[in-house]
Amino acid sequence: MTVSPAETQLGWIGTGVMGASMAGHLMAAGFSLTVNTRSRDRAAELEAAGATWADTPAEVAAASDVTFAIVGFPADVRDVFLGDSGALAGAAEGSIVVDMTTSEPSLAVEIAEAAKAKCVGAVDAPVSGGDVGARNAALSIMIGGEEADVARVMPLFEIMGKNMVHCGGPGAGQHTKMVNQILIATGMIGVSEALLYAQEAGLDLDKTLAAVGGGAAGSWSLANYGPRMLSGDFEPGFFVDHFVKDMGIALDESKAMRLSVPGLALAHQLYVALQAQGGGRNGTQALLLALAKLSDVEWSRMPEG
């Protein structure tokens, strides 16, 4: 299968914070798109741009050579791909399904095995970069699957991302995303604690961020989420609820490997506290607010009103 706008029909399932932008890039590259999402109004912009609506994931796959999905939780992934009206129920022989959700490695393997039984390719390709990376087509994409299947869809990944790595067979993309999330989890504790320290020490927060961001302490999270924290912007580039899900998967996988990960466990508990405080639908940078509450201090950069 040669991937090109003239020869390849694409399907997309899930148009949330990241999915809508990712699908939009494929349409902007000239590809025809059939779309399905839980709430049809979330697909309104894609439909206005020419996407065709389908009522079920199975109908999306039936109309598509390659069907992508990026949804919320492993239960959603299972339903979208393996349910009675799931993508594999409608996928034709020789087509490919691609899960870009962060999900369970074992579920990625299960989907790949079910797809193989139907002579359908399956790729797991979770992403990192949040809403900014999705909007700017600058995502990192961690890919698992058979080499031939990955090679066929790589030109499509190149439209959505800047750093694409084929990490291994089915499930390898998801395992690599767990590595990514473990790195981010403890890093966000450091960013949050550091900025709270700067505030309580009476420093100019903007100058402090400029001073430390270019040195050894610099990180993607500091560069991208630090300015949001300083402007009091805790809207989701990536939902806290979804991050807690990801850390839970990583903890389960670590337990199965008899691997102790105390830093990850601490980050998970702090984010669960943020959920308990009502922050589950905020962005991950809102961890700062939960840590502020632990010390009974107020973050000074909250928006007015």
Protein backbone atom coordinates (compact mmCIF):
# COMPACT_ATOMS: atom_id res chain seq x y z
CA MET A 1 0.00 0.00 0.00
CA THR A 2 1.43 3.34 -1.07
CA VAL A 3 0.34 6.09 1.29
CA SER A 4 -0.76 9.18 -0.60
CA PRO A 5 -3.78 11.50 -0.59
CA ALA A 6 -4.87 10.13 -3.95
CA GLU A 7 -4.70 6.47 -2.94
CA THR A 8 -5.21 6.28 0.83
CA GLN A 9 -8.41 6.78 2.80
CA LEU A 10 -7.87 7.63 6.47
CA GLY A 11 -10.06 7.17 9.50
CA TRP A 12 -9.83 8.98 12.83
CA ILE A 13 -11.46 8.10 16.17
CA GLY A 14 -11.21 10.58 19.04
CA THR A 15 -11.04 14.35 18.65
CA GLY A 16 -10.06 15.60 22.08
CA VAL A 17 -7.37 18.07 23.17
CA MET A 18 -4.77 16.45 20.89
CA GLY A 19 -6.71 14.32 18.43
CA ALA A 20 -8.48 17.14 16.62
CA SER A 21 -5.20 18.88 15.78
CA MET A 22 -3.51 15.66 14.71
CA ALA A 23 -6.39 14.73 12.40
CA GLY A 24 -6.44 18.27 11.06
CA HIS A 25 -2.81 18.01 9.96
CA LEU A 26 -3.62 14.90 7.93
CA MET A 27 -6.51 16.69 6.23
CA ALA A 28 -4.33 19.73 5.57
CA ALA A 29 -1.88 17.38 3.82
CA GLY A 30 -4.69 16.44 1.42
CA PHE A 31 -5.98 13.18 2.89
CA SER A 32 -9.68 12.35 3.00
CA LEU A 33 -10.88 11.56 6.50
CA THR A 34 -13.74 9.60 8.03
CA VAL A 35 -14.22 10.51 11.66
CA ASN A 36 -15.97 9.29 14.79
CA THR A 37 -15.83 10.61 18.34
CA ARG A 38 -17.92 10.23 21.47
CA SER A 39 -19.47 13.69 21.16
CA ARG A 40 -20.10 14.63 17.55
CA ASP A 41 -19.84 18.35 18.27
CA ARG A 42 -16.13 17.79 19.01
CA ALA A 43 -15.72 16.81 15.35
CA ALA A 44 -17.56 19.87 14.00
CA GLU A 45 -14.44 21.67 12.76
CA LEU A 46 -13.16 18.57 10.98
CA GLU A 47 -16.56 18.02 9.36
CA ALA A 48 -16.64 21.65 8.29
CA ALA A 49 -13.23 21.09 6.67
CA GLY A 50 -14.59 18.13 4.71
CA ALA A 51 -14.35 15.09 6.98
CA THR A 52 -17.08 12.46 6.70
CA TRP A 53 -18.89 11.42 9.87
CA ALA A 54 -19.35 7.74 10.76
CA ASP A 55 -21.59 6.52 13.57
CA THR A 56 -19.23 3.79 14.88
CA PRO A 57 -15.54 2.92 14.87
CA ALA A 58 -16.41 -0.11 12.71
CA GLU A 59 -17.86 2.21 10.06
CA VAL A 60 -14.75 4.37 10.20
CA ALA A 61 -12.50 1.37 9.61
CA ALA A 62 -14.72 -0.01 6.85
CA ALA A 63 -14.19 3.24 4.93
CA SER A 64 -10.46 3.52 5.63
CA ASP A 65 -7.13 2.03 4.63
CA VAL A 66 -5.56 3.28 7.85
CA THR A 67 -7.61 3.93 10.98
CA PHE A 68 -6.16 5.99 13.83
CA ALA A 69 -7.53 6.35 17.35
CA ILE A 70 -6.54 8.50 20.31
CA VAL A 71 -9.01 8.15 23.16
CA GLY A 72 -8.89 8.31 26.95
CA PHE A 73 -8.46 5.09 28.88
CA PRO A 74 -7.64 1.42 28.21
CA ALA A 75 -11.34 0.54 28.49
CA ASP A 76 -12.02 3.05 25.70
CA VAL A 77 -9.22 1.55 23.60
CA ARG A 78 -10.64 -1.94 24.07
CA ASP A 79 -14.10 -0.80 23.03
CA VAL A 80 -12.86 1.24 20.07
CA PHE A 81 -10.77 -1.59 18.61
CA LEU A 82 -12.18 -4.86 19.96
CA GLY A 83 -15.83 -4.07 20.72
CA ASP A 84 -18.77 -5.36 18.68
CA SER A 85 -18.80 -2.06 16.79
CA GLY A 86 -15.05 -1.56 17.08
CA ALA A 87 -12.58 -0.82 14.34
CA LEU A 88 -11.49 -4.43 13.86
CA ALA A 89 -15.09 -5.44 13.25
CA GLY A 90 -15.09 -3.23 10.16
CA ALA A 91 -11.46 -3.33 9.05
CA ALA A 92 -10.79 -4.93 5.67
CA GLU A 93 -7.96 -7.35 4.96
CA GLY A 94 -4.76 -5.44 4.25
CA SER A 95 -5.78 -2.32 6.17
CA ILE A 96 -3.99 -1.04 9.28
CA VAL A 97 -5.24 0.16 12.67
CA VAL A 98 -3.12 2.54 14.75
CA ASP A 99 -3.67 3.27 18.43
CA MET A 100 -2.10 6.58 19.51
CA THR A 101 -3.62 6.51 22.99
CA THR A 102 -1.33 5.92 25.94
CA SER A 103 -2.58 2.53 27.04
CA GLU A 104 -1.54 -0.86 28.41
CA PRO A 105 1.28 -2.69 26.59
CA SER A 106 -0.56 -5.98 27.04
CA LEU A 107 -3.65 -4.53 25.37
CA ALA A 108 -1.54 -3.40 22.42
CA VAL A 109 -0.34 -6.98 22.02
CA GLU A 110 -3.92 -8.27 22.27
CA ILE A 111 -5.07 -5.85 19.57
CA ALA A 112 -2.16 -6.84 17.33
CA GLU A 113 -3.01 -10.53 17.70
CA ALA A 114 -6.70 -9.93 16.96
CA ALA A 115 -5.75 -7.82 13.94
CA LYS A 116 -3.34 -10.45 12.61
CA ALA A 117 -6.12 -13.04 12.72
CA LYS A 118 -8.04 -10.82 10.28
CA CYS A 119 -4.96 -10.09 8.11
CA VAL A 120 -5.02 -6.50 9.36
CA GLY A 121 -1.92 -4.63 10.50
CA ALA A 122 -1.78 -3.08 13.97
CA VAL A 123 0.55 -0.41 15.34
CA ASP A 124 0.72 1.11 18.81
CA ALA A 125 2.03 4.67 18.64
CA PRO A 126 1.50 6.75 21.78
CA VAL A 127 2.68 10.35 21.62
CA SER A 128 4.30 12.98 23.80
CA GLY A 129 4.19 16.74 23.41
CA GLY A 130 0.73 17.68 24.66
CA ASP A 131 -1.59 20.14 23.00
CA VAL A 132 1.29 22.34 21.84
CA GLY A 133 3.05 19.47 20.12
CA ALA A 134 -0.21 18.36 18.52
CA ARG A 135 -1.01 21.85 17.22
CA ASN A 136 2.51 22.37 15.89
CA ALA A 137 2.86 18.89 14.36
CA ALA A 138 5.88 18.46 16.62
CA LEU A 139 4.95 15.36 18.60
CA SER A 140 7.32 12.62 19.66
CA ILE A 141 5.82 9.32 18.52
CA MET A 142 6.87 6.04 20.16
CA ILE A 143 6.03 3.19 17.82
CA GLY A 144 5.47 -0.53 18.33
CA GLY A 145 4.52 -3.04 15.67
CA GLU A 146 5.73 -5.20 12.84
CA GLU A 147 8.35 -3.49 10.69
CA ALA A 148 6.33 -3.68 7.46
CA ASP A 149 3.22 -2.15 9.07
CA VAL A 150 5.23 0.66 10.67
CA ALA A 151 6.97 1.45 7.39
CA ARG A 152 3.62 1.79 5.61
CA VAL A 153 2.26 4.36 8.05
CA MET A 154 5.49 6.24 8.78
CA PRO A 155 4.73 8.94 6.15
CA LEU A 156 1.55 9.72 8.10
CA PHE A 157 3.42 9.95 11.39
CA GLU A 158 5.81 12.38 9.72
CA ILE A 159 2.87 14.74 9.10
CA MET A 160 1.99 14.79 12.82
CA GLY A 161 5.36 14.60 14.55
CA LYS A 162 9.02 15.55 14.56
CA ASN A 163 10.58 12.61 16.40
CA MET A 164 9.41 9.16 15.33
CA VAL A 165 11.15 6.05 16.69
CA HIS A 166 10.19 2.44 15.95
CA CYS A 167 10.86 0.94 19.38
CA GLY A 168 10.12 -2.73 18.66
CA GLY A 169 7.27 -5.16 18.17
CA PRO A 170 3.67 -4.85 19.38
CA GLY A 171 3.51 -3.17 22.79
CA ALA A 172 6.99 -1.63 22.55
CA GLY A 173 5.55 1.81 21.81
CA GLN A 174 3.44 1.64 24.96
CA HIS A 175 6.34 0.46 27.10
CA THR A 176 8.45 3.35 25.77
CA LYS A 177 5.65 5.78 26.62
CA MET A 178 5.74 4.47 30.18
CA VAL A 179 9.44 5.42 30.28
CA ASN A 180 8.43 8.87 29.06
CA GLN A 181 5.76 9.27 31.72
CA ILE A 182 8.05 8.14 34.53
CA LEU A 183 10.53 10.82 33.46
CA ILE A 184 7.84 13.51 33.33
CA ALA A 185 6.17 12.52 36.62
CA THR A 186 9.09 13.24 38.89
CA GLY A 187 10.22 16.17 36.73
CA MET A 188 6.93 17.96 37.30
CA ILE A 189 7.44 17.68 41.04
CA GLY A 190 10.75 19.49 40.64
CA VAL A 191 9.30 22.24 38.45
CA SER A 192 6.44 22.85 40.87
CA GLU A 193 8.53 22.81 44.01
CA ALA A 194 11.16 25.08 42.48
CA LEU A 195 8.68 27.74 41.43
CA LEU A 196 6.96 27.67 44.81
CA TYR A 197 10.35 28.06 46.47
CA ALA A 198 11.14 31.03 44.23
CA GLN A 199 7.86 32.69 45.13
CA GLU A 200 8.24 32.20 48.87
CA ALA A 201 11.84 33.44 48.70
CA GLY A 202 10.54 36.69 47.21
CA LEU A 203 12.23 36.28 43.83
CA ASP A 204 11.00 37.75 40.57
CA LEU A 205 9.48 34.64 39.02
CA ASP A 206 9.96 35.68 35.41
CA LYS A 207 13.64 36.49 35.95
CA THR A 208 14.11 33.25 37.88
CA LEU A 209 12.64 31.20 35.04
CA ALA A 210 14.90 32.99 32.56
CA ALA A 211 17.94 32.43 34.80
CA VAL A 212 17.55 28.68 35.28
CA GLY A 213 15.82 27.59 32.07
CA GLY A 214 18.93 27.64 29.89
CA GLY A 215 21.22 25.74 32.23
CA ALA A 216 21.48 22.23 33.58
CA ALA A 217 18.07 22.58 35.25
CA GLY A 218 16.34 23.23 31.93
CA SER A 219 13.74 20.73 30.71
CA TRP A 220 10.82 20.48 28.31
CA SER A 221 8.39 20.73 31.21
CA LEU A 222 10.07 23.83 32.61
CA ALA A 223 10.21 25.51 29.20
CA ASN A 224 6.65 24.69 28.20
CA TYR A 225 4.73 24.52 31.48
CA GLY A 226 6.75 27.04 33.51
CA PRO A 227 5.36 30.03 31.55
CA ARG A 228 1.83 28.65 31.90
CA MET A 229 2.27 28.40 35.65
CA LEU A 230 3.57 31.97 35.78
CA SER A 231 0.50 33.20 33.88
CA GLY A 232 -1.89 31.20 36.07
CA ASP A 233 -2.86 28.99 33.14
CA PHE A 234 -3.79 25.54 34.39
CA GLU A 235 -5.93 24.55 31.41
CA PRO A 236 -5.20 21.09 30.04
CA GLY A 237 -2.55 20.42 27.48
CA PHE A 238 -2.78 16.96 29.01
CA PHE A 239 -5.43 16.09 31.60
CA VAL A 240 -4.44 15.21 35.16
CA ASP A 241 -6.98 12.36 35.02
CA HIS A 242 -5.18 10.86 32.03
CA PHE A 243 -1.75 11.30 33.62
CA VAL A 244 -2.90 9.48 36.75
CA LYS A 245 -4.09 6.68 34.46
CA ASP A 246 -0.69 6.55 32.75
CA MET A 247 1.21 6.44 36.03
CA GLY A 248 -1.08 3.67 37.24
CA ILE A 249 -0.20 1.61 34.16
CA ALA A 250 3.50 2.26 34.73
CA LEU A 251 3.19 1.22 38.39
CA ASP A 252 1.38 -1.99 37.42
CA GLU A 253 3.99 -2.83 34.79
CA SER A 254 6.78 -2.10 37.28
CA LYS A 255 5.17 -4.35 39.88
CA ALA A 256 4.93 -7.17 37.34
CA MET A 257 8.68 -6.76 36.72
CA ARG A 258 9.37 -6.65 40.49
CA LEU A 259 10.82 -3.19 39.99
CA SER A 260 10.76 -0.62 42.81
CA VAL A 261 9.86 2.87 41.57
CA PRO A 262 9.41 5.07 44.67
CA GLY A 263 9.71 8.35 42.75
CA LEU A 264 6.90 7.35 40.41
CA ALA A 265 4.79 6.18 43.35
CA LEU A 266 5.22 9.54 45.09
CA ALA A 267 4.30 11.48 41.95
CA HIS A 268 1.24 9.27 41.49
CA GLN A 269 0.05 9.98 45.03
CA LEU A 270 0.57 13.73 44.66
CA TYR A 271 -1.45 13.75 41.47
CA VAL A 272 -4.17 11.66 43.13
CA ALA A 273 -4.28 14.38 45.80
CA LEU A 274 -4.73 16.95 43.03
CA GLN A 275 -7.65 14.89 41.70
CA ALA A 276 -9.15 14.79 45.19
CA GLN A 277 -8.88 18.59 45.33
CA GLY A 278 -10.95 18.85 42.16
CA GLY A 279 -8.11 19.22 39.67
CA GLY A 280 -8.60 16.13 37.54
CA ARG A 281 -9.62 18.08 34.46
CA ASN A 282 -6.80 20.58 34.81
CA GLY A 283 -3.49 20.27 33.00
CA THR A 284 -0.59 18.40 34.59
CA GLN A 285 1.07 21.74 35.49
CA ALA A 286 -1.64 22.15 38.14
CA LEU A 287 0.44 19.89 40.39
CA LEU A 288 1.87 23.20 41.63
CA LEU A 289 -1.51 24.01 43.22
CA ALA A 290 -1.64 20.72 45.13
CA LEU A 291 1.88 21.27 46.46
CA ALA A 292 1.02 24.84 47.43
CA LYS A 293 -1.93 23.53 49.42
CA LEU A 294 0.36 21.09 51.27
CA SER A 295 2.36 24.07 52.56
CA ASP A 296 -0.73 26.24 53.07
CA VAL A 297 0.50 28.93 50.69
CA GLU A 298 -1.24 30.70 47.82
CA TRP A 299 0.15 30.76 44.30
CA SER A 300 0.42 34.44 43.43
CA ARG A 301 -0.07 34.11 39.69
CA MET A 302 -3.71 33.07 39.55
CA PRO A 303 -5.78 34.85 36.89
CA GLU A 304 -8.11 37.58 38.09
CA GLY A 305 -11.78 36.73 38.36
